[in-house]
Amino acid sequence: MFIVILIAALSVVAVIQTAVALRRDGYHQVPTDRTRLP
């Protein structure tokens, strides 16, 4: 039972850390720069 709890706790931490990393990496949609199109 201890292993199940340990894996569940690690899963929760991983999901939270993923959300934090995605929020901090600055990813966002960038509008198309029309001057660079052929």
PDB file of N, CA and C in Angstrom:
ATOM      1  N   MET A   1       0.823  -1.198   0.000  1.00  0.00           N
ATOM      2  CA  MET A   1       0.000   0.000   0.000  1.00  0.00           C
ATOM      3  C   MET A   1       0.869   1.265   0.000  1.00  0.00           C
ATOM      4  N   PHE A   2       2.011   1.172   0.652  1.00  0.00           N
ATOM      5  CA  PHE A   2       2.905   2.331   0.713  1.00  0.00           C
ATOM      6  C   PHE A   2       3.365   2.742  -0.678  1.00  0.00           C
ATOM      7  N   ILE A   3       3.653   1.755  -1.523  1.00  0.00           N
ATOM      8  CA  ILE A   3       4.133   2.061  -2.881  1.00  0.00           C
ATOM      9  C   ILE A   3       3.042   2.769  -3.687  1.00  0.00           C
ATOM     10  N   VAL A   4       1.800   2.355  -3.515  1.00  0.00           N
ATOM     11  CA  VAL A   4       0.698   2.994  -4.242  1.00  0.00           C
ATOM     12  C   VAL A   4       0.576   4.459  -3.831  1.00  0.00           C
ATOM     13  N   ILE A   5       0.664   4.723  -2.540  1.00  0.00           N
ATOM     14  CA  ILE A   5       0.584   6.104  -2.058  1.00  0.00           C
ATOM     15  C   ILE A   5       1.767   6.917  -2.572  1.00  0.00           C
ATOM     16  N   LEU A   6       2.942   6.318  -2.569  1.00  0.00           N
ATOM     17  CA  LEU A   6       4.132   7.010  -3.052  1.00  0.00           C
ATOM     18  C   LEU A   6       4.003   7.371  -4.530  1.00  0.00           C
ATOM     19  N   ILE A   7       3.537   6.440  -5.337  1.00  0.00           N
ATOM     20  CA  ILE A   7       3.371   6.703  -6.771  1.00  0.00           C
ATOM     21  C   ILE A   7       2.306   7.770  -7.004  1.00  0.00           C
ATOM     22  N   ALA A   8       1.221   7.717  -6.241  1.00  0.00           N
ATOM     23  CA  ALA A   8       0.167   8.723  -6.379  1.00  0.00           C
ATOM     24  C   ALA A   8       0.697  10.112  -6.024  1.00  0.00           C
ATOM     25  N   ALA A   9       1.484  10.192  -4.963  1.00  0.00           N
ATOM     26  CA  ALA A   9       2.043  11.483  -4.559  1.00  0.00           C
ATOM     27  C   ALA A   9       2.997  12.013  -5.624  1.00  0.00           C
ATOM     28  N   LEU A  10       3.831  11.152  -6.176  1.00  0.00           N
ATOM     29  CA  LEU A  10       4.748  11.577  -7.230  1.00  0.00           C
ATOM     30  C   LEU A  10       3.987  12.039  -8.473  1.00  0.00           C
ATOM     31  N   SER A  11       2.886  11.375  -8.782  1.00  0.00           N
ATOM     32  CA  SER A  11       2.084  11.763  -9.941  1.00  0.00           C
ATOM     33  C   SER A  11       1.496  13.157  -9.754  1.00  0.00           C
ATOM     34  N   VAL A  12       0.996  13.422  -8.558  1.00  0.00           N
ATOM     35  CA  VAL A  12       0.422  14.739  -8.280  1.00  0.00           C
ATOM     36  C   VAL A  12       1.495  15.819  -8.396  1.00  0.00           C
ATOM     37  N   VAL A  13       2.659  15.563  -7.825  1.00  0.00           N
ATOM     38  CA  VAL A  13       3.755  16.531  -7.902  1.00  0.00           C
ATOM     39  C   VAL A  13       4.161  16.753  -9.357  1.00  0.00           C
ATOM     40  N   ALA A  14       4.213  15.697 -10.148  1.00  0.00           N
ATOM     41  CA  ALA A  14       4.608  15.823 -11.550  1.00  0.00           C
ATOM     42  C   ALA A  14       3.610  16.669 -12.332  1.00  0.00           C
ATOM     43  N   VAL A  15       2.331  16.464 -12.094  1.00  0.00           N
ATOM     44  CA  VAL A  15       1.311  17.248 -12.799  1.00  0.00           C
ATOM     45  C   VAL A  15       1.419  18.723 -12.424  1.00  0.00           C
ATOM     46  N   ILE A  16       1.606  18.997 -11.146  1.00  0.00           N
ATOM     47  CA  ILE A  16       1.723  20.387 -10.703  1.00  0.00           C
ATOM     48  C   ILE A  16       2.970  21.036 -11.293  1.00  0.00           C
ATOM     49  N   GLN A  17       4.083  20.332 -11.260  1.00  0.00           N
ATOM     50  CA  GLN A  17       5.323  20.893 -11.799  1.00  0.00           C
ATOM     51  C   GLN A  17       5.222  21.120 -13.306  1.00  0.00           C
ATOM     52  N   THR A  18       4.506  20.248 -14.008  1.00  0.00           N
ATOM     53  CA  THR A  18       4.299  20.436 -15.445  1.00  0.00           C
ATOM     54  C   THR A  18       3.509  21.715 -15.704  1.00  0.00           C
ATOM     55  N   ALA A  19       2.450  21.927 -14.932  1.00  0.00           N
ATOM     56  CA  ALA A  19       1.644  23.135 -15.100  1.00  0.00           C
ATOM     57  C   ALA A  19       2.470  24.383 -14.812  1.00  0.00           C
ATOM     58  N   VAL A  20       3.290  24.341 -13.776  1.00  0.00           N
ATOM     59  CA  VAL A  20       4.135  25.488 -13.433  1.00  0.00           C
ATOM     60  C   VAL A  20       5.142  25.754 -14.550  1.00  0.00           C
ATOM     61  N   ALA A  21       5.752  24.700 -15.083  1.00  0.00           N
ATOM     62  CA  ALA A  21       6.746  24.869 -16.141  1.00  0.00           C
ATOM     63  C   ALA A  21       6.104  25.442 -17.403  1.00  0.00           C
ATOM     64  N   LEU A  22       4.919  24.969 -17.750  1.00  0.00           N
ATOM     65  CA  LEU A  22       4.245  25.480 -18.939  1.00  0.00           C
ATOM     66  C   LEU A  22       3.863  26.945 -18.758  1.00  0.00           C
ATOM     67  N   ARG A  23       3.520  27.335 -17.552  1.00  0.00           N
ATOM     68  CA  ARG A  23       3.153  28.727 -17.312  1.00  0.00           C
ATOM     69  C   ARG A  23       4.381  29.633 -17.363  1.00  0.00           C
ATOM     70  N   ARG A  24       5.522  29.142 -16.916  1.00  0.00           N
ATOM     71  CA  ARG A  24       6.721  29.973 -16.826  1.00  0.00           C
ATOM     72  C   ARG A  24       7.522  30.055 -18.123  1.00  0.00           C
ATOM     73  N   ASP A  25       7.311  29.144 -19.053  1.00  0.00           N
ATOM     74  CA  ASP A  25       8.201  29.112 -20.218  1.00  0.00           C
ATOM     75  C   ASP A  25       7.893  30.210 -21.232  1.00  0.00           C
ATOM     76  N   GLY A  26       6.826  30.959 -21.017  1.00  0.00           N
ATOM     77  CA  GLY A  26       6.534  32.091 -21.878  1.00  0.00           C
ATOM     78  C   GLY A  26       5.913  31.707 -23.204  1.00  0.00           C
ATOM     79  N   TYR A  27       5.405  30.492 -23.329  1.00  0.00           N
ATOM     80  CA  TYR A  27       4.793  30.094 -24.594  1.00  0.00           C
ATOM     81  C   TYR A  27       3.498  30.869 -24.801  1.00  0.00           C
ATOM     82  N   HIS A  28       3.360  31.437 -25.969  1.00  0.00           N
ATOM     83  CA  HIS A  28       2.126  32.106 -26.334  1.00  0.00           C
ATOM     84  C   HIS A  28       2.061  32.209 -27.849  1.00  0.00           C
ATOM     85  N   GLN A  29       0.848  32.432 -28.347  1.00  0.00           N
ATOM     86  CA  GLN A  29       0.692  32.560 -29.789  1.00  0.00           C
ATOM     87  C   GLN A  29       1.287  33.883 -30.240  1.00  0.00           C
ATOM     88  N   VAL A  30       2.081  33.814 -31.285  1.00  0.00           N
ATOM     89  CA  VAL A  30       2.710  35.015 -31.826  1.00  0.00           C
ATOM     90  C   VAL A  30       2.007  35.370 -33.126  1.00  0.00           C
ATOM     91  N   PRO A  31       1.519  36.594 -33.241  1.00  0.00           N
ATOM     92  CA  PRO A  31       0.860  36.969 -34.490  1.00  0.00           C
ATOM     93  C   PRO A  31       1.830  36.925 -35.669  1.00  0.00           C
ATOM     94  N   THR A  32       1.300  36.609 -36.836  1.00  0.00           N
ATOM     95  CA  THR A  32       2.133  36.501 -38.031  1.00  0.00           C
ATOM     96  C   THR A  32       2.650  37.875 -38.444  1.00  0.00           C
ATOM     97  N   ASP A  33       3.938  37.931 -38.704  1.00  0.00           N
ATOM     98  CA  ASP A  33       4.542  39.178 -39.184  1.00  0.00           C
ATOM     99  C   ASP A  33       4.385  39.212 -40.702  1.00  0.00           C
ATOM    100  N   ARG A  34       3.459  40.028 -41.181  1.00  0.00           N
ATOM    101  CA  ARG A  34       3.145  40.079 -42.619  1.00  0.00           C
ATOM    102  C   ARG A  34       4.332  40.553 -43.451  1.00  0.00           C
ATOM    103  N   THR A  35       5.248  41.303 -42.870  1.00  0.00           N
ATOM    104  CA  THR A  35       6.373  41.824 -43.647  1.00  0.00           C
ATOM    105  C   THR A  35       7.376  40.727 -43.989  1.00  0.00           C
ATOM    106  N   ARG A  36       7.319  39.595 -43.319  1.00  0.00           N
ATOM    107  CA  ARG A  36       8.282  38.525 -43.589  1.00  0.00           C
ATOM    108  C   ARG A  36       7.730  37.472 -44.541  1.00  0.00           C
ATOM    109  N   LEU A  37       6.473  37.622 -44.932  1.00  0.00           N
ATOM    110  CA  LEU A  37       5.895  36.662 -45.869  1.00  0.00           C
ATOM    111  C   LEU A  37       6.371  36.978 -47.280  1.00  0.00           C
ATOM    112  N   PRO A  38       6.522  35.961 -48.107  1.00  0.00           N
ATOM    113  CA  PRO A  38       6.971  36.220 -49.489  1.00  0.00           C
ATOM    114  C   PRO A  38       5.915  36.954 -50.304  1.00  0.00           C
TER     115      PRO A  38
END
